[in-house]
Protein backbone atom coordinates (compact mmCIF):
# COMPACT_ATOMS: atom_id res chain seq x y z
CA MET A 1 0.00 0.00 0.00
CA ASN A 2 1.34 3.42 -1.01
CA ASN A 3 0.35 5.91 1.70
CA ASP A 4 1.49 8.72 -0.59
CA ILE A 5 -1.50 8.17 -2.90
CA VAL A 6 -4.27 10.66 -2.18
CA LEU A 7 -6.69 9.85 -4.99
CA GLU A 8 -6.81 6.91 -7.38
CA CYS A 9 -9.08 5.17 -9.80
CA GLN A 10 -8.82 1.67 -11.19
CA SER A 11 -10.35 0.36 -14.43
CA LEU A 12 -12.81 3.26 -14.36
CA SER A 13 -15.51 3.42 -17.01
CA LYS A 14 -18.64 5.50 -17.50
CA GLN A 15 -21.54 4.74 -19.81
CA TYR A 16 -24.84 6.42 -20.54
CA GLN A 17 -27.95 5.01 -22.14
CA ASP A 18 -29.45 7.03 -25.02
CA GLY A 19 -32.58 5.09 -25.85
CA LYS A 20 -31.36 1.65 -26.90
CA GLN A 21 -27.85 2.91 -27.56
CA THR A 22 -25.03 2.65 -24.99
CA ILE A 23 -22.58 5.56 -25.08
CA ASP A 24 -19.10 5.07 -23.60
CA VAL A 25 -17.70 8.33 -22.17
CA PHE A 26 -14.47 6.56 -21.27
CA THR A 27 -13.32 3.04 -20.53
CA SER A 28 -10.79 1.44 -18.19
CA ILE A 29 -9.05 4.55 -16.86
CA ASP A 30 -6.29 4.13 -14.27
CA PHE A 31 -4.99 7.18 -12.44
CA GLU A 32 -3.08 8.13 -9.28
CA LEU A 33 -2.62 11.50 -7.57
CA HIS A 34 0.11 11.79 -4.92
CA LYS A 35 0.76 14.16 -2.00
CA GLY A 36 2.46 17.38 -3.04
CA GLN A 37 1.74 16.74 -6.71
CA ALA A 38 0.16 19.12 -9.20
CA CYS A 39 -1.46 17.19 -12.01
CA ALA A 40 -3.38 18.39 -15.06
CA ILE A 41 -5.94 16.65 -17.22
CA VAL A 42 -6.46 18.36 -20.56
CA GLY A 43 -8.93 17.62 -23.30
CA ALA A 44 -11.20 19.19 -25.84
CA SER A 45 -14.70 20.33 -24.94
CA GLY A 46 -16.93 17.27 -24.75
CA SER A 47 -14.06 14.85 -24.10
CA GLY A 48 -15.46 13.91 -20.68
CA LYS A 49 -13.16 15.96 -18.41
CA THR A 50 -15.95 17.23 -16.16
CA THR A 51 -17.55 13.78 -16.05
CA LEU A 52 -14.23 12.32 -14.90
CA LEU A 53 -13.84 15.07 -12.30
CA ASN A 54 -17.33 14.34 -10.95
CA LEU A 55 -16.46 10.64 -10.61
CA LEU A 56 -13.17 11.40 -8.85
CA ALA A 57 -15.06 13.72 -6.49
CA GLY A 58 -17.70 11.11 -5.70
CA LEU A 59 -20.44 13.33 -7.14
CA ASP A 60 -21.31 10.56 -9.57
CA LEU A 61 -20.53 6.84 -9.49
CA ALA A 62 -18.77 4.89 -12.21
CA THR A 63 -20.41 2.24 -14.35
CA THR A 64 -17.49 -0.08 -13.58
CA GLY A 65 -14.23 0.33 -11.70
CA ASP A 66 -13.52 2.18 -8.50
CA VAL A 67 -12.36 5.54 -7.14
CA LYS A 68 -10.61 5.80 -3.78
CA LEU A 69 -9.99 8.95 -1.75
CA ALA A 70 -7.46 8.49 1.05
CA GLN A 71 -7.72 4.73 0.31
CA VAL A 72 -11.48 4.65 0.93
CA SER A 73 -13.77 3.69 -1.95
CA TRP A 74 -16.54 6.14 -2.87
CA SER A 75 -18.79 3.23 -3.81
CA SER A 76 -18.52 1.77 -0.30
CA MET A 77 -20.16 4.85 1.26
CA ARG A 78 -23.71 6.10 1.52
CA ASP A 79 -24.50 9.61 0.24
CA ALA A 80 -24.24 11.27 3.68
CA LYS A 81 -20.82 9.71 4.36
CA ARG A 82 -19.61 10.71 0.90
CA SER A 83 -20.71 14.31 1.51
CA LYS A 84 -18.96 14.42 4.88
CA MET A 85 -15.73 12.98 3.50
CA ARG A 86 -15.84 15.27 0.48
CA ASN A 87 -16.10 18.31 2.76
CA SER A 88 -13.22 17.20 4.96
CA GLU A 89 -10.83 15.64 2.43
CA MET A 90 -11.43 17.63 -0.76
CA GLY A 91 -11.40 21.26 -1.78
CA PHE A 92 -12.99 22.57 -4.98
CA VAL A 93 -12.25 25.55 -7.21
CA TYR A 94 -14.23 26.25 -10.37
CA GLN A 95 -13.93 28.59 -13.35
CA PHE A 96 -16.60 30.76 -11.74
CA HIS A 97 -15.78 31.27 -8.08
CA HIS A 98 -19.27 30.45 -6.67
CA LEU A 99 -18.74 32.72 -3.67
CA LEU A 100 -21.85 33.64 -1.69
CA PRO A 101 -22.44 37.31 -2.62
CA GLU A 102 -24.02 38.39 0.66
CA PHE A 103 -21.05 37.18 2.73
CA SER A 104 -17.58 38.68 3.16
CA ALA A 105 -14.40 37.03 1.90
CA LEU A 106 -13.69 35.75 5.41
CA GLU A 107 -17.22 34.39 5.89
CA ASN A 108 -17.01 32.55 2.56
CA VAL A 109 -13.79 30.88 3.68
CA LEU A 110 -15.28 30.01 7.08
CA MET A 111 -18.31 28.27 5.57
CA PRO A 112 -16.74 24.80 5.00
CA MET A 113 -15.30 24.88 8.53
CA TRP A 114 -18.66 25.79 10.05
CA ILE A 115 -20.22 22.86 8.17
CA ALA A 116 -17.47 20.56 9.48
CA GLY A 117 -18.04 21.75 13.07
CA VAL A 118 -14.67 23.42 13.55
CA ASN A 119 -14.54 25.58 16.70
CA LYS A 120 -15.51 29.15 15.74
CA SER A 121 -12.41 30.84 17.12
CA GLU A 122 -10.15 28.24 15.49
CA ALA A 123 -12.05 28.62 12.21
CA LYS A 124 -11.68 32.41 12.27
CA LYS A 125 -7.96 32.18 12.98
CA ARG A 126 -7.46 29.65 10.18
CA GLY A 127 -9.58 31.67 7.75
CA GLU A 128 -7.62 34.87 8.41
CA GLU A 129 -4.32 33.01 7.97
CA LEU A 130 -5.44 31.50 4.66
CA LEU A 131 -6.63 34.80 3.25
CA SER A 132 -3.35 36.38 4.32
CA GLN A 133 -1.47 33.57 2.60
CA VAL A 134 -3.29 34.15 -0.70
CA GLY A 135 -2.50 37.89 -0.48
CA LEU A 136 -5.84 39.17 0.82
CA LYS A 137 -5.15 40.08 4.46
CA ASP A 138 -6.53 43.59 3.80
CA ARG A 139 -9.70 42.31 2.09
CA LEU A 140 -11.15 40.08 4.81
CA HIS A 141 -14.41 41.97 5.12
CA HIS A 142 -14.96 42.83 1.47
CA LYS A 143 -17.86 41.15 -0.30
CA PRO A 144 -17.29 39.44 -3.68
CA SER A 145 -18.75 42.43 -5.56
CA GLN A 146 -15.99 44.58 -4.05
CA LEU A 147 -13.20 42.28 -5.27
CA SER A 148 -11.54 41.85 -8.66
CA GLY A 149 -11.85 38.60 -10.60
CA GLY A 150 -8.41 37.47 -9.48
CA GLU A 151 -9.16 38.34 -5.86
CA ARG A 152 -12.43 36.39 -5.97
CA GLN A 153 -10.58 33.35 -7.29
CA ARG A 154 -8.03 33.71 -4.48
CA VAL A 155 -10.89 33.67 -1.96
CA ALA A 156 -12.21 30.52 -3.65
CA ILE A 157 -8.78 28.90 -3.31
CA ALA A 158 -8.55 29.87 0.37
CA ARG A 159 -12.02 28.39 0.89
CA ALA A 160 -10.92 25.16 -0.82
CA LEU A 161 -8.05 24.86 1.68
CA ALA A 162 -10.18 25.64 4.74
CA ASN A 163 -10.57 22.08 6.04
CA ARG A 164 -6.97 21.13 5.20
CA PRO A 165 -8.04 18.63 2.55
CA ALA A 166 -5.95 15.84 1.12
CA CYS A 167 -6.42 17.27 -2.37
CA VAL A 168 -7.94 20.17 -4.25
CA LEU A 169 -9.83 19.63 -7.51
CA MET A 170 -9.92 22.55 -9.93
CA ASP A 171 -12.15 22.83 -12.99
CA GLU A 172 -10.80 25.50 -15.38
CA PRO A 173 -9.61 27.67 -12.45
CA THR A 174 -8.07 30.32 -14.72
CA GLY A 175 -10.56 30.06 -17.58
CA ASN A 176 -12.32 33.30 -16.66
CA LEU A 177 -9.17 35.35 -15.97
CA ASP A 178 -6.85 37.46 -18.11
CA GLU A 179 -3.36 36.14 -18.84
CA THR A 180 -1.52 38.12 -16.14
CA THR A 181 -4.02 37.20 -13.41
CA SER A 182 -3.99 33.60 -14.63
CA LEU A 183 -0.21 33.45 -14.17
CA ASP A 184 -0.56 34.89 -10.66
CA ILE A 185 -3.06 32.15 -9.77
CA GLN A 186 -0.78 29.47 -11.22
CA ASN A 187 2.13 30.75 -9.10
CA LEU A 188 -0.10 30.78 -6.03
CA ILE A 189 -1.17 27.16 -6.60
CA ASN A 190 2.47 26.13 -6.90
CA GLU A 191 3.37 27.90 -3.63
CA LEU A 192 0.45 26.33 -1.76
CA LYS A 193 1.30 22.87 -3.10
CA VAL A 194 4.79 23.14 -1.59
CA THR A 195 3.67 24.81 1.66
CA TYR A 196 0.98 22.25 2.49
CA ASN A 197 2.39 19.18 0.65
CA MET A 198 -1.08 19.05 -0.87
CA ALA A 199 -2.23 17.45 -4.10
CA PHE A 200 -3.85 19.56 -6.82
CA LEU A 201 -5.74 18.11 -9.77
CA ILE A 202 -6.49 20.68 -12.45
CA VAL A 203 -8.85 19.99 -15.33
CA THR A 204 -8.30 22.49 -18.12
CA HIS A 205 -8.30 23.07 -21.86
CA ASP A 206 -5.36 25.51 -21.45
CA GLU A 207 -2.23 23.58 -22.41
CA LYS A 208 -0.02 26.52 -21.41
CA MET A 209 -0.55 25.38 -17.81
CA LEU A 210 1.24 22.09 -18.41
CA GLY A 211 4.74 23.54 -18.13
CA TRP A 212 4.72 23.78 -14.33
CA MET A 213 2.76 20.58 -13.65
CA ASP A 214 4.39 17.54 -12.07
CA SER A 215 2.32 15.27 -14.30
CA ALA A 216 -0.23 15.70 -17.06
CA TYR A 217 -2.68 13.61 -19.06
CA ARG A 218 -4.87 14.08 -22.10
CA LEU A 219 -8.42 12.71 -22.12
CA SER A 220 -9.24 11.81 -25.70
CA LYS A 221 -11.48 9.21 -27.37
CA GLY A 222 -12.36 7.69 -24.02
CA ALA A 223 -8.76 7.09 -22.92
CA LEU A 224 -6.29 8.87 -20.64
CA GLN A 225 -2.95 9.41 -22.34
CA THR A 226 0.20 10.33 -20.37
CA LEU A 227 1.77 13.63 -21.46
CA LYS A 228 4.40 13.99 -18.71
């Protein structure tokens, strides 16, 4: 057993029924994500990247095969247990930040910790430290509408780290940002990966991101091809 493996799937396949026709999204995918590793999965629109991400996150279950987070199989858990483990062991960042507009930056970061039952004073301390670490120590009490696009994405990243997850899944995290801000976010992810020895899995169509990744794959024609 490799205790360095944070997330893995074995012989993973996903099929959909369209009337009498069976559609294979992908078949027999094997994948491992390790501590302190930044990994990218690239692919064209419609290649199944988001479907794969949903399976890895336990938001959907595979047709065959298995996904394990921290060596525990998603398929072995009921919905409530999956939700609890997802909140404690995974962080999520999307192309659109999905911050709650009526809450401040700090309150948005505190939300996952409140859900997990973290002590309020501990949560506040951790939230302030995270926002400081992503360069927003002077923006704690600003609402999303008062922040730039890059700042909102930094809040989303701080929120993803709130419960000290084993890994962070990112779906097009820089897709809505200009090139300069996108590079800033990439540098931030790299710093956080080293600081926390945390795994990052980034699903993107932007192949310019591959240069600083530890590993990368292309999802094409239902198969995962190793790029680096």
